[in-house]
Amino acid sequence: MAKKISSESKLFAFLGVFLTIIGFLIVFLTRKNDKYAMYYAKQGLVLFIATVIIQILGGVVLIGLFVMPLISWAIGVALWLCYILLIVIYVAGIINSLSGSEKPLLIIGKYAEKIKL
């Protein structure tokens, strides 16, 4: 029989994903021993890192528009697709965190599982 996850753990797991870096810090500082909440908090942390990387790449592309417009435009389109994918992953993370079972998020889940705290 599967272990029943408390509504409090689900709430903190939700906060871990929904608030990304701030949610991770909240869960880490208050619920470090709650494996379910930490599982999703780590995914929220990796989601935040992925967002920052895409934001930085977006800034580089913006600068590159003046130097190589065609290549920068193509990369910009790819970055917009990455933004859409991040939104899908973000929504899936919110839904998964409230489900009561640990489900790794698309692409970023494997990186979150490597975080040892």
N, C-alpha and C. Protein backbone atom coordinates (compact mmCIF):
# COMPACT_ATOMS: atom_id res chain seq x y z
N MET A 1 0.85 -1.19 0.00
CA MET A 1 0.00 0.00 0.00
C MET A 1 0.89 1.24 0.00
N ALA A 2 0.55 2.20 -0.82
CA ALA A 2 1.34 3.42 -0.93
C ALA A 2 1.16 4.28 0.32
N LYS A 3 2.23 4.97 0.68
CA LYS A 3 2.20 5.85 1.84
C LYS A 3 1.33 7.07 1.52
N LYS A 4 0.42 7.39 2.45
CA LYS A 4 -0.45 8.55 2.26
C LYS A 4 0.32 9.82 2.61
N ILE A 5 0.28 10.77 1.71
CA ILE A 5 0.97 12.05 1.89
C ILE A 5 -0.01 13.02 2.57
N SER A 6 0.46 13.67 3.61
CA SER A 6 -0.40 14.61 4.34
C SER A 6 -0.67 15.85 3.50
N SER A 7 -1.77 16.51 3.81
CA SER A 7 -2.11 17.73 3.07
C SER A 7 -1.08 18.82 3.35
N GLU A 8 -0.45 18.79 4.52
CA GLU A 8 0.60 19.76 4.84
C GLU A 8 1.82 19.54 3.95
N SER A 9 2.19 18.28 3.72
CA SER A 9 3.31 17.98 2.82
C SER A 9 3.00 18.42 1.40
N LYS A 10 1.75 18.19 0.98
CA LYS A 10 1.34 18.61 -0.36
C LYS A 10 1.40 20.13 -0.49
N LEU A 11 0.99 20.84 0.56
CA LEU A 11 1.03 22.29 0.54
C LEU A 11 2.46 22.80 0.40
N PHE A 12 3.39 22.22 1.17
CA PHE A 12 4.77 22.66 1.08
C PHE A 12 5.40 22.23 -0.25
N ALA A 13 5.01 21.09 -0.77
CA ALA A 13 5.50 20.67 -2.09
C ALA A 13 5.01 21.65 -3.15
N PHE A 14 3.75 22.05 -3.05
CA PHE A 14 3.18 23.05 -3.96
C PHE A 14 3.97 24.35 -3.87
N LEU A 15 4.22 24.81 -2.65
CA LEU A 15 4.99 26.06 -2.48
C LEU A 15 6.39 25.92 -3.07
N GLY A 16 7.00 24.75 -2.91
CA GLY A 16 8.33 24.52 -3.44
C GLY A 16 8.41 24.68 -4.94
N VAL A 17 7.36 24.26 -5.64
CA VAL A 17 7.33 24.40 -7.10
C VAL A 17 6.82 25.79 -7.49
N PHE A 18 5.74 26.21 -6.86
CA PHE A 18 5.07 27.46 -7.26
C PHE A 18 5.96 28.68 -7.05
N LEU A 19 6.69 28.72 -5.94
CA LEU A 19 7.54 29.87 -5.62
C LEU A 19 9.00 29.66 -6.02
N THR A 20 9.30 28.61 -6.71
CA THR A 20 10.64 28.22 -7.19
C THR A 20 11.71 28.45 -6.13
N ILE A 21 12.57 29.43 -6.29
CA ILE A 21 13.72 29.60 -5.38
C ILE A 21 13.25 29.97 -3.96
N ILE A 22 12.27 30.83 -3.86
CA ILE A 22 11.77 31.20 -2.53
C ILE A 22 11.07 30.00 -1.90
N GLY A 23 10.31 29.27 -2.69
CA GLY A 23 9.65 28.06 -2.19
C GLY A 23 10.66 27.02 -1.74
N PHE A 24 11.74 26.88 -2.50
CA PHE A 24 12.79 25.95 -2.10
C PHE A 24 13.35 26.34 -0.74
N LEU A 25 13.63 27.62 -0.57
CA LEU A 25 14.19 28.08 0.71
C LEU A 25 13.20 27.87 1.86
N ILE A 26 11.92 28.13 1.62
CA ILE A 26 10.91 27.92 2.65
C ILE A 26 10.89 26.44 3.07
N VAL A 27 10.84 25.57 2.08
CA VAL A 27 10.79 24.13 2.38
C VAL A 27 12.09 23.68 3.02
N PHE A 28 13.20 24.13 2.51
CA PHE A 28 14.50 23.72 3.05
C PHE A 28 14.66 24.16 4.50
N LEU A 29 14.21 25.36 4.81
CA LEU A 29 14.38 25.87 6.17
C LEU A 29 13.33 25.34 7.16
N THR A 30 12.16 24.96 6.67
CA THR A 30 11.10 24.55 7.59
C THR A 30 10.76 23.06 7.53
N ARG A 31 10.99 22.41 6.40
CA ARG A 31 10.55 21.02 6.22
C ARG A 31 11.64 20.15 5.60
N LYS A 32 12.87 20.36 5.99
CA LYS A 32 14.00 19.65 5.37
C LYS A 32 13.85 18.13 5.46
N ASN A 33 13.20 17.62 6.49
CA ASN A 33 13.06 16.17 6.67
C ASN A 33 11.82 15.61 5.98
N ASP A 34 11.02 16.45 5.38
CA ASP A 34 9.83 16.01 4.65
C ASP A 34 10.26 15.66 3.22
N LYS A 35 10.43 14.37 2.97
CA LYS A 35 10.97 13.93 1.68
C LYS A 35 10.08 14.34 0.51
N TYR A 36 8.78 14.30 0.71
CA TYR A 36 7.86 14.66 -0.37
C TYR A 36 7.99 16.15 -0.72
N ALA A 37 7.95 17.00 0.27
CA ALA A 37 8.07 18.44 0.04
C ALA A 37 9.43 18.77 -0.56
N MET A 38 10.49 18.15 -0.06
CA MET A 38 11.84 18.43 -0.59
C MET A 38 11.98 17.95 -2.04
N TYR A 39 11.32 16.85 -2.36
CA TYR A 39 11.37 16.32 -3.72
C TYR A 39 10.90 17.40 -4.71
N TYR A 40 9.77 18.04 -4.40
CA TYR A 40 9.25 19.06 -5.30
C TYR A 40 9.96 20.40 -5.14
N ALA A 41 10.47 20.67 -3.95
CA ALA A 41 11.24 21.91 -3.76
C ALA A 41 12.50 21.88 -4.62
N LYS A 42 13.15 20.72 -4.69
CA LYS A 42 14.35 20.60 -5.53
C LYS A 42 14.01 20.78 -7.01
N GLN A 43 12.84 20.27 -7.41
CA GLN A 43 12.43 20.47 -8.80
C GLN A 43 12.13 21.95 -9.06
N GLY A 44 11.56 22.64 -8.07
CA GLY A 44 11.33 24.08 -8.19
C GLY A 44 12.63 24.84 -8.31
N LEU A 45 13.64 24.40 -7.57
CA LEU A 45 14.97 25.03 -7.65
C LEU A 45 15.57 24.86 -9.04
N VAL A 46 15.50 23.67 -9.59
CA VAL A 46 16.05 23.42 -10.93
C VAL A 46 15.24 24.18 -11.98
N LEU A 47 13.95 24.29 -11.79
CA LEU A 47 13.11 25.07 -12.69
C LEU A 47 13.53 26.54 -12.68
N PHE A 48 13.83 27.06 -11.50
CA PHE A 48 14.31 28.44 -11.38
C PHE A 48 15.65 28.61 -12.12
N ILE A 49 16.57 27.68 -11.92
CA ILE A 49 17.88 27.75 -12.58
C ILE A 49 17.72 27.71 -14.10
N ALA A 50 16.84 26.83 -14.59
CA ALA A 50 16.60 26.74 -16.04
C ALA A 50 16.03 28.05 -16.57
N THR A 51 15.14 28.67 -15.81
CA THR A 51 14.56 29.95 -16.22
C THR A 51 15.62 31.04 -16.30
N VAL A 52 16.50 31.07 -15.32
CA VAL A 52 17.57 32.07 -15.32
C VAL A 52 18.49 31.87 -16.52
N ILE A 53 18.83 30.63 -16.82
CA ILE A 53 19.69 30.35 -17.98
C ILE A 53 19.03 30.83 -19.26
N ILE A 54 17.75 30.55 -19.42
CA ILE A 54 17.05 30.98 -20.63
C ILE A 54 16.95 32.51 -20.69
N GLN A 55 16.77 33.14 -19.54
CA GLN A 55 16.74 34.60 -19.51
C GLN A 55 18.08 35.19 -19.95
N ILE A 56 19.16 34.62 -19.48
CA ILE A 56 20.50 35.09 -19.86
C ILE A 56 20.72 34.89 -21.36
N LEU A 57 20.34 33.72 -21.86
CA LEU A 57 20.47 33.48 -23.30
C LEU A 57 19.62 34.46 -24.10
N GLY A 58 18.45 34.79 -23.58
CA GLY A 58 17.60 35.79 -24.24
C GLY A 58 18.27 37.14 -24.33
N GLY A 59 18.98 37.53 -23.28
CA GLY A 59 19.73 38.79 -23.29
C GLY A 59 20.85 38.77 -24.30
N VAL A 60 21.52 37.65 -24.41
CA VAL A 60 22.60 37.52 -25.39
C VAL A 60 22.04 37.61 -26.80
N VAL A 61 20.91 36.98 -27.03
CA VAL A 61 20.27 37.03 -28.35
C VAL A 61 19.85 38.46 -28.68
N LEU A 62 19.34 39.17 -27.69
CA LEU A 62 18.94 40.56 -27.92
C LEU A 62 20.12 41.41 -28.35
N ILE A 63 21.26 41.19 -27.71
CA ILE A 63 22.48 41.92 -28.10
C ILE A 63 22.92 41.48 -29.49
N GLY A 64 22.79 40.16 -29.77
CA GLY A 64 23.21 39.62 -31.07
C GLY A 64 22.36 40.07 -32.23
N LEU A 65 21.17 40.57 -31.96
CA LEU A 65 20.30 41.03 -33.05
C LEU A 65 20.95 42.13 -33.87
N PHE A 66 21.80 42.91 -33.24
CA PHE A 66 22.48 44.00 -33.95
C PHE A 66 23.65 43.50 -34.78
N VAL A 67 24.22 42.35 -34.39
CA VAL A 67 25.40 41.83 -35.07
C VAL A 67 25.01 40.81 -36.15
N MET A 68 24.19 39.85 -35.78
CA MET A 68 23.79 38.78 -36.71
C MET A 68 22.28 38.60 -36.63
N PRO A 69 21.53 39.43 -37.30
CA PRO A 69 20.07 39.41 -37.14
C PRO A 69 19.40 38.07 -37.48
N LEU A 70 19.79 37.42 -38.55
CA LEU A 70 19.11 36.19 -38.96
C LEU A 70 19.36 35.06 -37.97
N ILE A 71 20.60 34.88 -37.57
CA ILE A 71 20.93 33.81 -36.61
C ILE A 71 20.29 34.10 -35.26
N SER A 72 20.35 35.35 -34.83
CA SER A 72 19.75 35.72 -33.55
C SER A 72 18.24 35.52 -33.58
N TRP A 73 17.62 35.79 -34.71
CA TRP A 73 16.18 35.60 -34.82
C TRP A 73 15.84 34.12 -34.66
N ALA A 74 16.60 33.24 -35.31
CA ALA A 74 16.35 31.80 -35.22
C ALA A 74 16.54 31.30 -33.78
N ILE A 75 17.58 31.77 -33.13
CA ILE A 75 17.82 31.39 -31.74
C ILE A 75 16.71 31.95 -30.85
N GLY A 76 16.26 33.15 -31.15
CA GLY A 76 15.17 33.76 -30.39
C GLY A 76 13.89 32.95 -30.46
N VAL A 77 13.59 32.43 -31.64
CA VAL A 77 12.41 31.57 -31.80
C VAL A 77 12.57 30.31 -30.95
N ALA A 78 13.77 29.73 -30.96
CA ALA A 78 14.03 28.54 -30.14
C ALA A 78 13.87 28.86 -28.65
N LEU A 79 14.30 30.05 -28.25
CA LEU A 79 14.14 30.44 -26.85
C LEU A 79 12.68 30.61 -26.48
N TRP A 80 11.86 31.13 -27.38
CA TRP A 80 10.43 31.24 -27.10
C TRP A 80 9.82 29.87 -26.92
N LEU A 81 10.25 28.91 -27.71
CA LEU A 81 9.77 27.53 -27.53
C LEU A 81 10.20 26.99 -26.17
N CYS A 82 11.40 27.37 -25.74
CA CYS A 82 11.87 26.96 -24.41
C CYS A 82 11.01 27.60 -23.32
N TYR A 83 10.63 28.86 -23.50
CA TYR A 83 9.74 29.52 -22.53
C TYR A 83 8.41 28.77 -22.43
N ILE A 84 7.86 28.40 -23.56
CA ILE A 84 6.59 27.67 -23.57
C ILE A 84 6.75 26.33 -22.86
N LEU A 85 7.86 25.64 -23.14
CA LEU A 85 8.13 24.36 -22.47
C LEU A 85 8.27 24.56 -20.96
N LEU A 86 8.93 25.63 -20.55
CA LEU A 86 9.06 25.90 -19.11
C LEU A 86 7.70 26.13 -18.46
N ILE A 87 6.81 26.81 -19.15
CA ILE A 87 5.47 27.03 -18.61
C ILE A 87 4.73 25.69 -18.45
N VAL A 88 4.86 24.83 -19.44
CA VAL A 88 4.23 23.51 -19.37
C VAL A 88 4.81 22.71 -18.19
N ILE A 89 6.13 22.74 -18.03
CA ILE A 89 6.78 22.03 -16.93
C ILE A 89 6.34 22.62 -15.59
N TYR A 90 6.24 23.92 -15.52
CA TYR A 90 5.83 24.62 -14.30
C TYR A 90 4.42 24.19 -13.88
N VAL A 91 3.48 24.19 -14.84
CA VAL A 91 2.11 23.78 -14.55
C VAL A 91 2.07 22.30 -14.16
N ALA A 92 2.83 21.46 -14.86
CA ALA A 92 2.88 20.04 -14.51
C ALA A 92 3.43 19.85 -13.10
N GLY A 93 4.42 20.65 -12.73
CA GLY A 93 4.99 20.57 -11.39
C GLY A 93 3.97 20.92 -10.32
N ILE A 94 3.18 21.93 -10.58
CA ILE A 94 2.13 22.32 -9.63
C ILE A 94 1.12 21.19 -9.48
N ILE A 95 0.67 20.64 -10.60
CA ILE A 95 -0.30 19.55 -10.57
C ILE A 95 0.28 18.33 -9.87
N ASN A 96 1.52 17.96 -10.22
CA ASN A 96 2.16 16.80 -9.61
C ASN A 96 2.36 16.96 -8.12
N SER A 97 2.71 18.17 -7.68
CA SER A 97 2.98 18.39 -6.26
C SER A 97 1.72 18.19 -5.42
N LEU A 98 0.58 18.44 -5.99
CA LEU A 98 -0.68 18.28 -5.28
C LEU A 98 -1.27 16.88 -5.41
N SER A 99 -0.63 16.04 -6.24
CA SER A 99 -1.17 14.70 -6.53
C SER A 99 -0.95 13.70 -5.40
N GLY A 100 0.09 13.89 -4.62
CA GLY A 100 0.39 12.94 -3.56
C GLY A 100 1.38 11.86 -3.95
N SER A 101 1.87 11.91 -5.17
CA SER A 101 2.90 10.94 -5.59
C SER A 101 4.06 11.69 -6.24
N GLU A 102 5.24 11.12 -6.09
CA GLU A 102 6.44 11.75 -6.63
C GLU A 102 6.58 11.40 -8.11
N LYS A 103 6.45 12.41 -8.93
CA LYS A 103 6.59 12.24 -10.38
C LYS A 103 7.64 13.23 -10.86
N PRO A 104 8.73 12.75 -11.47
CA PRO A 104 9.75 13.69 -11.95
C PRO A 104 9.21 14.53 -13.11
N LEU A 105 9.57 15.79 -13.10
CA LEU A 105 9.13 16.69 -14.16
C LEU A 105 9.95 16.44 -15.42
N LEU A 106 9.33 16.70 -16.54
CA LEU A 106 9.96 16.55 -17.84
C LEU A 106 11.29 17.30 -17.88
N ILE A 107 12.32 16.68 -18.32
CA ILE A 107 13.67 17.22 -18.52
C ILE A 107 14.36 17.57 -17.20
N ILE A 108 13.75 18.39 -16.35
CA ILE A 108 14.46 18.87 -15.16
C ILE A 108 14.41 17.90 -13.98
N GLY A 109 13.49 16.94 -14.01
CA GLY A 109 13.35 16.00 -12.90
C GLY A 109 14.62 15.22 -12.60
N LYS A 110 15.31 14.81 -13.65
CA LYS A 110 16.53 14.01 -13.44
C LYS A 110 17.64 14.84 -12.80
N TYR A 111 17.66 16.14 -13.06
CA TYR A 111 18.66 17.00 -12.43
C TYR A 111 18.32 17.28 -10.98
N ALA A 112 17.04 17.42 -10.70
CA ALA A 112 16.60 17.66 -9.32
C ALA A 112 16.92 16.46 -8.43
N GLU A 113 16.80 15.27 -8.99
CA GLU A 113 17.09 14.06 -8.20
C GLU A 113 18.56 13.94 -7.84
N LYS A 114 19.42 14.62 -8.56
CA LYS A 114 20.86 14.57 -8.27
C LYS A 114 21.26 15.50 -7.13
N ILE A 115 20.38 16.39 -6.72
CA ILE A 115 20.69 17.32 -5.64
C ILE A 115 20.60 16.57 -4.32
N LYS A 116 21.69 16.53 -3.60
CA LYS A 116 21.76 15.86 -2.30
C LYS A 116 21.90 16.91 -1.21
N LEU A 117 20.93 16.93 -0.30
CA LEU A 117 20.96 17.89 0.82
C LEU A 117 20.86 17.17 2.13
